[in-house]
Every structure is written in C-alpha cells, then in structure tokens.
Amino acid sequence: MSFFGGSGYQQQQQQINPQNIALAEQELEMVTDLFNRIVDSCHKKCISKEYNQNDLSQGEAVCIDRCVAKFIEVNAKVGEKMQQVGGQQQQQQQ
C-alpha cells in the first residue's frame, strides 16, 4: 500500500465528504477561538506586566491553572445549556 498516490489513495479521496471537511474546519476555528480567548483572558488576569523572571512564578502558574479550569468549566456549562435550549426549540417546532 502506497501513501503517495496509489489506487488506495485515490479511492480515499473520492470518499471524502465536503460537508465533513467543512464541519472539521468549523470545529478547528471554534477550538482556536476558545484557545485564544483563554490565553488573552488568563494572561491579563495572571501575568504581571513587568517580566522579572524567565519562568512563571508559582503564584502565576497557580492563577493560570485556575483561570483555565474555570474558563473551560464555564464554556462546557454554556455549551450544555445551549444544547438544552436547542433541543427544547426543536421539540416546540414539532
């Protein structure tokens, strides 16, 4: 089996669904946006504007750990709530 253009590769190319690619791209954009928002928010809250050390201090590291954990927890709760609301709206439309 060749990974460089053999017949197996051509068959895989024909089976790729453009809708799946679009969904994967959208998911990647959402994850990238979440990551960037976490970095921006937690950096502003936890990192001193005066860089005195090469590494994070223990306080900064703990702050970042807590900030990221809270950000992810809240994001998950909001996602769950949005799914509940979406499910209720679908039930009402039926």
PDB file of N, CA and C in Angstrom:
ATOM      1  N   MET A   1       0.847  -1.186   0.000  1.00  0.00           N
ATOM      2  CA  MET A   1       0.000   0.000   0.000  1.00  0.00           C
ATOM      3  C   MET A   1       0.882   1.235   0.000  1.00  0.00           C
ATOM      4  N   SER A   2       0.625   2.131  -0.917  1.00  0.00           N
ATOM      5  CA  SER A   2       1.419   3.344  -1.032  1.00  0.00           C
ATOM      6  C   SER A   2       0.628   4.536  -0.515  1.00  0.00           C
ATOM      7  N   PHE A   3       1.313   5.404   0.211  1.00  0.00           N
ATOM      8  CA  PHE A   3       0.692   6.636   0.693  1.00  0.00           C
ATOM      9  C   PHE A   3       0.907   7.779  -0.289  1.00  0.00           C
ATOM     10  N   PHE A   4       1.563   7.506  -1.387  1.00  0.00           N
ATOM     11  CA  PHE A   4       1.947   8.557  -2.322  1.00  0.00           C
ATOM     12  C   PHE A   4       1.269   8.413  -3.671  1.00  0.00           C
ATOM     13  N   GLY A   5      -0.022   8.216  -3.674  1.00  0.00           N
ATOM     14  CA  GLY A   5      -0.739   8.267  -4.936  1.00  0.00           C
ATOM     15  C   GLY A   5      -1.144   6.941  -5.517  1.00  0.00           C
ATOM     16  N   GLY A   6      -1.068   5.881  -4.760  1.00  0.00           N
ATOM     17  CA  GLY A   6      -1.530   4.594  -5.265  1.00  0.00           C
ATOM     18  C   GLY A   6      -3.044   4.585  -5.383  1.00  0.00           C
ATOM     19  N   SER A   7      -3.589   3.495  -5.878  1.00  0.00           N
ATOM     20  CA  SER A   7      -5.034   3.422  -6.104  1.00  0.00           C
ATOM     21  C   SER A   7      -5.826   3.560  -4.809  1.00  0.00           C
ATOM     22  N   GLY A   8      -5.290   3.094  -3.682  1.00  0.00           N
ATOM     23  CA  GLY A   8      -5.968   3.232  -2.400  1.00  0.00           C
ATOM     24  C   GLY A   8      -6.160   4.688  -2.027  1.00  0.00           C
ATOM     25  N   TYR A   9      -5.175   5.507  -2.304  1.00  0.00           N
ATOM     26  CA  TYR A   9      -5.249   6.936  -2.012  1.00  0.00           C
ATOM     27  C   TYR A   9      -6.338   7.601  -2.838  1.00  0.00           C
ATOM     28  N   GLN A  10      -6.439   7.223  -4.116  1.00  0.00           N
ATOM     29  CA  GLN A  10      -7.457   7.807  -4.985  1.00  0.00           C
ATOM     30  C   GLN A  10      -8.855   7.436  -4.518  1.00  0.00           C
ATOM     31  N   GLN A  11      -9.024   6.219  -4.035  1.00  0.00           N
ATOM     32  CA  GLN A  11     -10.334   5.811  -3.526  1.00  0.00           C
ATOM     33  C   GLN A  11     -10.690   6.591  -2.274  1.00  0.00           C
ATOM     34  N   GLN A  12      -9.707   6.848  -1.400  1.00  0.00           N
ATOM     35  CA  GLN A  12      -9.965   7.634  -0.201  1.00  0.00           C
ATOM     36  C   GLN A  12     -10.374   9.054  -0.572  1.00  0.00           C
ATOM     37  N   GLN A  13      -9.730   9.625  -1.560  1.00  0.00           N
ATOM     38  CA  GLN A  13     -10.054  10.977  -1.992  1.00  0.00           C
ATOM     39  C   GLN A  13     -11.492  11.070  -2.485  1.00  0.00           C
ATOM     40  N   GLN A  14     -11.969  10.053  -3.164  1.00  0.00           N
ATOM     41  CA  GLN A  14     -13.327  10.064  -3.689  1.00  0.00           C
ATOM     42  C   GLN A  14     -14.359   9.897  -2.579  1.00  0.00           C
ATOM     43  N   GLN A  15     -13.990   9.329  -1.445  1.00  0.00           N
ATOM     44  CA  GLN A  15     -14.914   9.079  -0.363  1.00  0.00           C
ATOM     45  C   GLN A  15     -15.005  10.230   0.630  1.00  0.00           C
ATOM     46  N   ILE A  16     -14.173  11.238   0.520  1.00  0.00           N
ATOM     47  CA  ILE A  16     -14.194  12.362   1.449  1.00  0.00           C
ATOM     48  C   ILE A  16     -15.430  13.217   1.172  1.00  0.00           C
ATOM     49  N   ASN A  17     -16.178  13.451   2.229  1.00  0.00           N
ATOM     50  CA  ASN A  17     -17.398  14.232   2.133  1.00  0.00           C
ATOM     51  C   ASN A  17     -17.062  15.706   2.386  1.00  0.00           C
ATOM     52  N   PRO A  18     -17.350  16.599   1.443  1.00  0.00           N
ATOM     53  CA  PRO A  18     -17.053  18.025   1.632  1.00  0.00           C
ATOM     54  C   PRO A  18     -17.745  18.613   2.871  1.00  0.00           C
ATOM     55  N   GLN A  19     -18.903  18.073   3.214  1.00  0.00           N
ATOM     56  CA  GLN A  19     -19.607  18.566   4.400  1.00  0.00           C
ATOM     57  C   GLN A  19     -18.806  18.237   5.667  1.00  0.00           C
ATOM     58  N   ASN A  20     -18.193  17.041   5.695  1.00  0.00           N
ATOM     59  CA  ASN A  20     -17.362  16.677   6.842  1.00  0.00           C
ATOM     60  C   ASN A  20     -16.137  17.577   6.950  1.00  0.00           C
ATOM     61  N   ILE A  21     -15.570  17.949   5.826  1.00  0.00           N
ATOM     62  CA  ILE A  21     -14.426  18.856   5.826  1.00  0.00           C
ATOM     63  C   ILE A  21     -14.842  20.213   6.366  1.00  0.00           C
ATOM     64  N   ALA A  22     -15.985  20.707   5.928  1.00  0.00           N
ATOM     65  CA  ALA A  22     -16.480  21.998   6.406  1.00  0.00           C
ATOM     66  C   ALA A  22     -16.740  21.963   7.910  1.00  0.00           C
ATOM     67  N   LEU A  23     -17.309  20.866   8.403  1.00  0.00           N
ATOM     68  CA  LEU A  23     -17.558  20.730   9.841  1.00  0.00           C
ATOM     69  C   LEU A  23     -16.250  20.680  10.621  1.00  0.00           C
ATOM     70  N   ALA A  24     -15.263  19.970  10.087  1.00  0.00           N
ATOM     71  CA  ALA A  24     -13.959  19.888  10.752  1.00  0.00           C
ATOM     72  C   ALA A  24     -13.281  21.256  10.786  1.00  0.00           C
ATOM     73  N   GLU A  25     -13.384  22.005   9.697  1.00  0.00           N
ATOM     74  CA  GLU A  25     -12.806  23.351   9.659  1.00  0.00           C
ATOM     75  C   GLU A  25     -13.492  24.263  10.660  1.00  0.00           C
ATOM     76  N   GLN A  26     -14.814  24.161  10.755  1.00  0.00           N
ATOM     77  CA  GLN A  26     -15.573  24.977  11.701  1.00  0.00           C
ATOM     78  C   GLN A  26     -15.186  24.621  13.142  1.00  0.00           C
ATOM     79  N   GLU A  27     -15.039  23.329  13.417  1.00  0.00           N
ATOM     80  CA  GLU A  27     -14.643  22.903  14.757  1.00  0.00           C
ATOM     81  C   GLU A  27     -13.248  23.408  15.093  1.00  0.00           C
ATOM     82  N   LEU A  28     -12.334  23.354  14.137  1.00  0.00           N
ATOM     83  CA  LEU A  28     -10.982  23.849  14.357  1.00  0.00           C
ATOM     84  C   LEU A  28     -10.997  25.349  14.649  1.00  0.00           C
ATOM     85  N   GLU A  29     -11.813  26.099  13.925  1.00  0.00           N
ATOM     86  CA  GLU A  29     -11.933  27.537  14.174  1.00  0.00           C
ATOM     87  C   GLU A  29     -12.468  27.815  15.572  1.00  0.00           C
ATOM     88  N   MET A  30     -13.449  27.017  16.009  1.00  0.00           N
ATOM     89  CA  MET A  30     -14.027  27.204  17.338  1.00  0.00           C
ATOM     90  C   MET A  30     -13.004  26.887  18.427  1.00  0.00           C
ATOM     91  N   VAL A  31     -12.245  25.825  18.257  1.00  0.00           N
ATOM     92  CA  VAL A  31     -11.230  25.454  19.245  1.00  0.00           C
ATOM     93  C   VAL A  31     -10.130  26.513  19.281  1.00  0.00           C
ATOM     94  N   THR A  32      -9.730  26.996  18.127  1.00  0.00           N
ATOM     95  CA  THR A  32      -8.703  28.034  18.059  1.00  0.00           C
ATOM     96  C   THR A  32      -9.187  29.311  18.735  1.00  0.00           C
ATOM     97  N   ASP A  33     -10.446  29.678  18.485  1.00  0.00           N
ATOM     98  CA  ASP A  33     -11.013  30.868  19.116  1.00  0.00           C
ATOM     99  C   ASP A  33     -11.058  30.706  20.631  1.00  0.00           C
ATOM    100  N   LEU A  34     -11.487  29.535  21.117  1.00  0.00           N
ATOM    101  CA  LEU A  34     -11.526  29.271  22.556  1.00  0.00           C
ATOM    102  C   LEU A  34     -10.129  29.383  23.150  1.00  0.00           C
ATOM    103  N   PHE A  35      -9.158  28.770  22.502  1.00  0.00           N
ATOM    104  CA  PHE A  35      -7.774  28.827  22.990  1.00  0.00           C
ATOM    105  C   PHE A  35      -7.295  30.273  23.075  1.00  0.00           C
ATOM    106  N   ASN A  36      -7.540  31.056  22.031  1.00  0.00           N
ATOM    107  CA  ASN A  36      -7.086  32.451  22.016  1.00  0.00           C
ATOM    108  C   ASN A  36      -7.770  33.277  23.100  1.00  0.00           C
ATOM    109  N   ARG A  37      -9.068  33.021  23.335  1.00  0.00           N
ATOM    110  CA  ARG A  37      -9.773  33.754  24.394  1.00  0.00           C
ATOM    111  C   ARG A  37      -9.232  33.380  25.767  1.00  0.00           C
ATOM    112  N   ILE A  38      -8.913  32.099  25.972  1.00  0.00           N
ATOM    113  CA  ILE A  38      -8.331  31.665  27.249  1.00  0.00           C
ATOM    114  C   ILE A  38      -6.981  32.332  27.461  1.00  0.00           C
ATOM    115  N   VAL A  39      -6.146  32.308  26.445  1.00  0.00           N
ATOM    116  CA  VAL A  39      -4.814  32.905  26.558  1.00  0.00           C
ATOM    117  C   VAL A  39      -4.927  34.389  26.887  1.00  0.00           C
ATOM    118  N   ASP A  40      -5.753  35.116  26.144  1.00  0.00           N
ATOM    119  CA  ASP A  40      -5.891  36.560  26.380  1.00  0.00           C
ATOM    120  C   ASP A  40      -6.417  36.856  27.781  1.00  0.00           C
ATOM    121  N   SER A  41      -7.486  36.179  28.160  1.00  0.00           N
ATOM    122  CA  SER A  41      -8.121  36.441  29.451  1.00  0.00           C
ATOM    123  C   SER A  41      -7.204  36.086  30.615  1.00  0.00           C
ATOM    124  N   CYS A  42      -6.646  34.891  30.589  1.00  0.00           N
ATOM    125  CA  CYS A  42      -5.818  34.438  31.706  1.00  0.00           C
ATOM    126  C   CYS A  42      -4.486  35.187  31.763  1.00  0.00           C
ATOM    127  N   HIS A  43      -3.964  35.594  30.628  1.00  0.00           N
ATOM    128  CA  HIS A  43      -2.723  36.378  30.625  1.00  0.00           C
ATOM    129  C   HIS A  43      -2.957  37.720  31.302  1.00  0.00           C
ATOM    130  N   LYS A  44      -4.071  38.364  30.958  1.00  0.00           N
ATOM    131  CA  LYS A  44      -4.378  39.667  31.567  1.00  0.00           C
ATOM    132  C   LYS A  44      -4.578  39.546  33.076  1.00  0.00           C
ATOM    133  N   LYS A  45      -5.213  38.461  33.518  1.00  0.00           N
ATOM    134  CA  LYS A  45      -5.520  38.291  34.933  1.00  0.00           C
ATOM    135  C   LYS A  45      -4.325  37.832  35.757  1.00  0.00           C
ATOM    136  N   CYS A  46      -3.440  37.040  35.173  1.00  0.00           N
ATOM    137  CA  CYS A  46      -2.458  36.312  35.977  1.00  0.00           C
ATOM    138  C   CYS A  46      -1.004  36.730  35.796  1.00  0.00           C
ATOM    139  N   ILE A  47      -0.668  37.335  34.700  1.00  0.00           N
ATOM    140  CA  ILE A  47       0.736  37.605  34.410  1.00  0.00           C
ATOM    141  C   ILE A  47       1.033  39.084  34.629  1.00  0.00           C
ATOM    142  N   SER A  48       2.055  39.330  35.416  1.00  0.00           N
ATOM    143  CA  SER A  48       2.474  40.699  35.672  1.00  0.00           C
ATOM    144  C   SER A  48       2.977  41.335  34.379  1.00  0.00           C
ATOM    145  N   LYS A  49       2.747  42.623  34.236  1.00  0.00           N
ATOM    146  CA  LYS A  49       3.214  43.325  33.031  1.00  0.00           C
ATOM    147  C   LYS A  49       4.729  43.558  33.068  1.00  0.00           C
ATOM    148  N   GLU A  50       5.318  43.407  34.245  1.00  0.00           N
ATOM    149  CA  GLU A  50       6.759  43.537  34.377  1.00  0.00           C
ATOM    150  C   GLU A  50       7.364  42.133  34.439  1.00  0.00           C
ATOM    151  N   TYR A  51       8.059  41.763  33.386  1.00  0.00           N
ATOM    152  CA  TYR A  51       8.659  40.431  33.319  1.00  0.00           C
ATOM    153  C   TYR A  51      10.002  40.462  34.034  1.00  0.00           C
ATOM    154  N   ASN A  52       9.993  40.002  35.294  1.00  0.00           N
ATOM    155  CA  ASN A  52      11.222  39.995  36.092  1.00  0.00           C
ATOM    156  C   ASN A  52      11.940  38.657  36.036  1.00  0.00           C
ATOM    157  N   GLN A  53      11.217  37.594  35.666  1.00  0.00           N
ATOM    158  CA  GLN A  53      11.793  36.255  35.658  1.00  0.00           C
ATOM    159  C   GLN A  53      11.551  35.604  34.302  1.00  0.00           C
ATOM    160  N   ASN A  54      12.405  34.626  33.981  1.00  0.00           N
ATOM    161  CA  ASN A  54      12.231  33.885  32.734  1.00  0.00           C
ATOM    162  C   ASN A  54      11.010  32.985  32.786  1.00  0.00           C
ATOM    163  N   ASP A  55      10.751  32.395  33.940  1.00  0.00           N
ATOM    164  CA  ASP A  55       9.660  31.438  34.106  1.00  0.00           C
ATOM    165  C   ASP A  55       8.519  32.071  34.891  1.00  0.00           C
ATOM    166  N   LEU A  56       7.375  31.410  34.857  1.00  0.00           N
ATOM    167  CA  LEU A  56       6.260  31.858  35.663  1.00  0.00           C
ATOM    168  C   LEU A  56       6.574  31.666  37.134  1.00  0.00           C
ATOM    169  N   SER A  57       6.117  32.589  37.952  1.00  0.00           N
ATOM    170  CA  SER A  57       6.230  32.382  39.393  1.00  0.00           C
ATOM    171  C   SER A  57       5.204  31.335  39.804  1.00  0.00           C
ATOM    172  N   GLN A  58       5.334  30.827  41.007  1.00  0.00           N
ATOM    173  CA  GLN A  58       4.375  29.823  41.470  1.00  0.00           C
ATOM    174  C   GLN A  58       2.967  30.411  41.520  1.00  0.00           C
ATOM    175  N   GLY A  59       2.855  31.645  41.962  1.00  0.00           N
ATOM    176  CA  GLY A  59       1.557  32.309  42.020  1.00  0.00           C
ATOM    177  C   GLY A  59       0.927  32.476  40.639  1.00  0.00           C
ATOM    178  N   GLU A  60       1.746  32.850  39.668  1.00  0.00           N
ATOM    179  CA  GLU A  60       1.244  32.995  38.300  1.00  0.00           C
ATOM    180  C   GLU A  60       0.790  31.653  37.740  1.00  0.00           C
ATOM    181  N   ALA A  61       1.567  30.611  37.987  1.00  0.00           N
ATOM    182  CA  ALA A  61       1.217  29.281  37.477  1.00  0.00           C
ATOM    183  C   ALA A  61      -0.094  28.786  38.089  1.00  0.00           C
ATOM    184  N   VAL A  62      -0.255  28.988  39.391  1.00  0.00           N
ATOM    185  CA  VAL A  62      -1.496  28.568  40.054  1.00  0.00           C
ATOM    186  C   VAL A  62      -2.669  29.377  39.508  1.00  0.00           C
ATOM    187  N   CYS A  63      -2.476  30.661  39.334  1.00  0.00           N
ATOM    188  CA  CYS A  63      -3.533  31.524  38.795  1.00  0.00           C
ATOM    189  C   CYS A  63      -3.949  31.060  37.400  1.00  0.00           C
ATOM    190  N   ILE A  64      -2.985  30.753  36.562  1.00  0.00           N
ATOM    191  CA  ILE A  64      -3.282  30.306  35.204  1.00  0.00           C
ATOM    192  C   ILE A  64      -4.031  28.976  35.232  1.00  0.00           C
ATOM    193  N   ASP A  65      -3.572  28.047  36.080  1.00  0.00           N
ATOM    194  CA  ASP A  65      -4.265  26.753  36.188  1.00  0.00           C
ATOM    195  C   ASP A  65      -5.727  26.950  36.568  1.00  0.00           C
ATOM    196  N   ARG A  66      -5.976  27.785  37.555  1.00  0.00           N
ATOM    197  CA  ARG A  66      -7.350  28.027  37.997  1.00  0.00           C
ATOM    198  C   ARG A  66      -8.160  28.751  36.930  1.00  0.00           C
ATOM    199  N   CYS A  67      -7.534  29.729  36.301  1.00  0.00           N
ATOM    200  CA  CYS A  67      -8.225  30.507  35.269  1.00  0.00           C
ATOM    201  C   CYS A  67      -8.647  29.617  34.106  1.00  0.00           C
ATOM    202  N   VAL A  68      -7.734  28.791  33.637  1.00  0.00           N
ATOM    203  CA  VAL A  68      -8.037  27.898  32.512  1.00  0.00           C
ATOM    204  C   VAL A  68      -9.125  26.904  32.903  1.00  0.00           C
ATOM    205  N   ALA A  69      -9.022  26.346  34.106  1.00  0.00           N
ATOM    206  CA  ALA A  69     -10.028  25.379  34.570  1.00  0.00           C
ATOM    207  C   ALA A  69     -11.406  26.019  34.634  1.00  0.00           C
ATOM    208  N   LYS A  70     -11.490  27.230  35.178  1.00  0.00           N
ATOM    209  CA  LYS A  70     -12.779  27.923  35.260  1.00  0.00           C
ATOM    210  C   LYS A  70     -13.311  28.260  33.875  1.00  0.00           C
ATOM    211  N   PHE A  71     -12.436  28.704  33.007  1.00  0.00           N
ATOM    212  CA  PHE A  71     -12.848  29.075  31.656  1.00  0.00           C
ATOM    213  C   PHE A  71     -13.441  27.867  30.938  1.00  0.00           C
ATOM    214  N   ILE A  72     -12.777  26.727  31.034  1.00  0.00           N
ATOM    215  CA  ILE A  72     -13.248  25.506  30.368  1.00  0.00           C
ATOM    216  C   ILE A  72     -14.550  25.021  31.000  1.00  0.00           C
ATOM    217  N   GLU A  73     -14.637  25.083  32.322  1.00  0.00           N
ATOM    218  CA  GLU A  73     -15.856  24.656  33.018  1.00  0.00           C
ATOM    219  C   GLU A  73     -17.051  25.511  32.596  1.00  0.00           C
ATOM    220  N   VAL A  74     -16.868  26.805  32.572  1.00  0.00           N
ATOM    221  CA  VAL A  74     -17.950  27.698  32.171  1.00  0.00           C
ATOM    222  C   VAL A  74     -18.319  27.466  30.711  1.00  0.00           C
ATOM    223  N   ASN A  75     -17.327  27.285  29.858  1.00  0.00           N
ATOM    224  CA  ASN A  75     -17.581  27.028  28.448  1.00  0.00           C
ATOM    225  C   ASN A  75     -18.410  25.753  28.268  1.00  0.00           C
ATOM    226  N   ALA A  76     -18.083  24.719  29.032  1.00  0.00           N
ATOM    227  CA  ALA A  76     -18.833  23.459  28.957  1.00  0.00           C
ATOM    228  C   ALA A  76     -20.267  23.653  29.425  1.00  0.00           C
ATOM    229  N   LYS A  77     -20.457  24.394  30.508  1.00  0.00           N
ATOM    230  CA  LYS A  77     -21.807  24.641  31.026  1.00  0.00           C
ATOM    231  C   LYS A  77     -22.639  25.446  30.033  1.00  0.00           C
ATOM    232  N   VAL A  78     -22.037  26.433  29.420  1.00  0.00           N
ATOM    233  CA  VAL A  78     -22.750  27.226  28.413  1.00  0.00           C
ATOM    234  C   VAL A  78     -23.121  26.355  27.223  1.00  0.00           C
ATOM    235  N   GLY A  79     -22.209  25.494  26.789  1.00  0.00           N
ATOM    236  CA  GLY A  79     -22.498  24.575  25.684  1.00  0.00           C
ATOM    237  C   GLY A  79     -23.646  23.641  26.004  1.00  0.00           C
ATOM    238  N   GLU A  80     -23.655  23.100  27.230  1.00  0.00           N
ATOM    239  CA  GLU A  80     -24.750  22.217  27.643  1.00  0.00           C
ATOM    240  C   GLU A  80     -26.082  22.962  27.645  1.00  0.00           C
ATOM    241  N   LYS A  81     -26.069  24.169  28.164  1.00  0.00           N
ATOM    242  CA  LYS A  81     -27.301  24.967  28.220  1.00  0.00           C
ATOM    243  C   LYS A  81     -27.798  25.282  26.816  1.00  0.00           C
ATOM    244  N   MET A  82     -26.885  25.597  25.923  1.00  0.00           N
ATOM    245  CA  MET A  82     -27.280  25.892  24.544  1.00  0.00           C
ATOM    246  C   MET A  82     -27.892  24.662  23.878  1.00  0.00           C
ATOM    247  N   GLN A  83     -27.353  23.482  24.163  1.00  0.00           N
ATOM    248  CA  GLN A  83     -27.914  22.254  23.607  1.00  0.00           C
ATOM    249  C   GLN A  83     -29.308  22.003  24.165  1.00  0.00           C
ATOM    250  N   GLN A  84     -29.508  22.264  25.453  1.00  0.00           N
ATOM    251  CA  GLN A  84     -30.831  22.094  26.056  1.00  0.00           C
ATOM    252  C   GLN A  84     -31.842  23.033  25.409  1.00  0.00           C
ATOM    253  N   VAL A  85     -31.455  24.284  25.251  1.00  0.00           N
ATOM    254  CA  VAL A  85     -32.354  25.265  24.639  1.00  0.00           C
ATOM    255  C   VAL A  85     -32.646  24.877  23.194  1.00  0.00           C
ATOM    256  N   GLY A  86     -31.629  24.435  22.468  1.00  0.00           N
ATOM    257  CA  GLY A  86     -31.830  23.998  21.089  1.00  0.00           C
ATOM    258  C   GLY A  86     -32.753  22.806  21.008  1.00  0.00           C
ATOM    259  N   GLY A  87     -32.595  21.862  21.941  1.00  0.00           N
ATOM    260  CA  GLY A  87     -33.474  20.686  21.964  1.00  0.00           C
ATOM    261  C   GLY A  87     -34.910  21.065  22.280  1.00  0.00           C
ATOM    262  N   GLN A  88     -35.100  22.004  23.190  1.00  0.00           N
ATOM    263  CA  GLN A  88     -36.450  22.464  23.535  1.00  0.00           C
ATOM    264  C   GLN A  88     -37.091  23.168  22.341  1.00  0.00           C
ATOM    265  N   GLN A  89     -36.321  23.958  21.627  1.00  0.00           N
ATOM    266  CA  GLN A  89     -36.859  24.652  20.462  1.00  0.00           C
ATOM    267  C   GLN A  89     -37.272  23.669  19.377  1.00  0.00           C
ATOM    268  N   GLN A  90     -36.477  22.600  19.194  1.00  0.00           N
ATOM    269  CA  GLN A  90     -36.829  21.592  18.186  1.00  0.00           C
ATOM    270  C   GLN A  90     -38.111  20.876  18.588  1.00  0.00           C
ATOM    271  N   GLN A  91     -38.274  20.583  19.871  1.00  0.00           N
ATOM    272  CA  GLN A  91     -39.487  19.905  20.333  1.00  0.00           C
ATOM    273  C   GLN A  91     -40.717  20.786  20.133  1.00  0.00           C
ATOM    274  N   GLN A  92     -40.561  22.085  20.359  1.00  0.00           N
ATOM    275  CA  GLN A  92     -41.676  23.008  20.187  1.00  0.00           C
ATOM    276  C   GLN A  92     -42.080  23.150  18.724  1.00  0.00           C
ATOM    277  N   GLN A  93     -41.123  23.021  17.832  1.00  0.00           N
ATOM    278  CA  GLN A  93     -41.412  23.156  16.407  1.00  0.00           C
ATOM    279  C   GLN A  93     -42.110  21.937  15.853  1.00  0.00           C
ATOM    280  N   GLN A  94     -42.012  20.796  16.519  1.00  0.00           N
ATOM    281  CA  GLN A  94     -42.605  19.560  16.004  1.00  0.00           C
ATOM    282  C   GLN A  94     -44.035  19.463  16.358  1.00  0.00           C
TER     283      GLN A  94
END
